[in-house]
Amino acid sequence: TTFELGSFFRGGGATLYGFFLFHEVLSNPASSGLSRLARMVADGSLTANVSTEAKLDDIGEVAQALLDRGFTGKAVLHVSE
């Protein structure tokens, strides 16, 4: 994206950080963060606001609702075996 750099920094207290996913994963493996999140969900200190649940087959409708801002929480797609 592009933006007016002067306006960004004029307000003070601004930080610009470049985020490259693969670099981040190499320096901080995702497994440690994921295990922390799993522990937090298990002990109740983290809750997820699930707004909709659907079958994976309905991904098109769920994706469109997400793009249309049709819900505010998470969408869970169930994968059948």
Protein backbone atom coordinates (compact mmCIF):
# COMPACT_ATOMS: atom_id res chain seq x y z
CA THR A 1 0.00 0.00 0.00
CA THR A 2 1.01 3.63 -0.25
CA PHE A 3 0.50 6.42 2.25
CA GLU A 4 1.68 9.97 2.96
CA LEU A 5 4.72 9.47 5.17
CA GLY A 6 4.65 12.97 6.67
CA SER A 7 1.08 12.51 7.90
CA PHE A 8 2.00 9.17 9.39
CA PHE A 9 4.84 10.51 11.54
CA ARG A 10 3.41 13.97 12.25
CA GLY A 11 1.22 12.77 15.13
CA GLY A 12 4.18 11.41 17.08
CA GLY A 13 4.59 8.01 18.69
CA ALA A 14 4.35 6.23 15.34
CA THR A 15 6.30 3.11 14.48
CA LEU A 16 6.67 1.60 11.05
CA TYR A 17 7.62 -2.08 11.06
CA GLY A 18 8.20 -4.27 8.03
CA PHE A 19 6.71 -7.72 8.58
CA PHE A 20 7.93 -10.62 6.48
CA LEU A 21 6.22 -13.81 7.60
CA PHE A 22 8.91 -16.27 6.57
CA HIS A 23 11.63 -14.26 8.32
CA GLU A 24 9.50 -14.11 11.49
CA VAL A 25 8.84 -17.86 11.45
CA LEU A 26 12.53 -18.61 11.06
CA SER A 27 13.46 -16.45 14.06
CA ASN A 28 10.41 -17.38 16.18
CA PRO A 29 8.96 -20.80 15.32
CA ALA A 30 5.16 -20.81 15.17
CA SER A 31 4.98 -23.94 17.34
CA SER A 32 5.87 -22.03 20.52
CA GLY A 33 3.16 -19.43 19.94
CA LEU A 34 0.57 -22.02 18.95
CA SER A 35 1.24 -24.14 22.03
CA ARG A 36 0.88 -21.01 24.20
CA LEU A 37 -2.47 -20.20 22.55
CA ALA A 38 -3.66 -23.79 23.05
CA ARG A 39 -2.76 -23.62 26.77
CA MET A 40 -4.60 -20.31 27.13
CA VAL A 41 -7.74 -21.71 25.50
CA ALA A 42 -7.54 -24.82 27.69
CA ASP A 43 -7.20 -22.84 30.93
CA GLY A 44 -9.92 -20.36 29.95
CA SER A 45 -7.71 -17.26 29.86
CA LEU A 46 -8.35 -16.86 26.12
CA THR A 47 -11.73 -17.16 24.49
CA ALA A 48 -12.55 -16.97 20.81
CA ASN A 49 -15.65 -15.17 19.60
CA VAL A 50 -17.02 -17.67 17.07
CA SER A 51 -19.74 -16.01 14.99
CA THR A 52 -20.39 -18.68 12.41
CA GLU A 53 -19.78 -22.38 11.86
CA ALA A 54 -20.20 -24.12 8.52
CA LYS A 55 -19.09 -27.11 6.49
CA LEU A 56 -15.94 -26.66 4.40
CA ASP A 57 -18.17 -27.10 1.34
CA ASP A 58 -19.79 -23.76 2.23
CA ILE A 59 -16.52 -21.82 2.17
CA GLY A 60 -17.71 -19.59 -0.68
CA GLU A 61 -20.66 -18.26 1.29
CA VAL A 62 -18.60 -17.85 4.46
CA ALA A 63 -15.84 -16.03 2.58
CA GLN A 64 -18.37 -13.68 0.98
CA ALA A 65 -19.96 -12.95 4.36
CA LEU A 66 -16.50 -12.18 5.72
CA LEU A 67 -15.77 -9.82 2.82
CA ASP A 68 -19.17 -8.17 3.31
CA ARG A 69 -18.43 -7.80 7.03
CA GLY A 70 -21.44 -9.97 7.73
CA PHE A 71 -20.05 -11.13 11.07
CA THR A 72 -17.55 -9.83 13.60
CA GLY A 73 -16.09 -12.96 15.18
CA LYS A 74 -14.31 -16.01 13.89
CA ALA A 75 -15.58 -18.44 11.29
CA VAL A 76 -15.07 -22.15 11.95
CA LEU A 77 -15.13 -24.46 8.94
CA HIS A 78 -15.74 -28.12 9.75
CA VAL A 79 -13.87 -30.65 7.63
CA SER A 80 -15.74 -33.93 7.18
CA GLU A 81 -13.86 -37.19 6.94
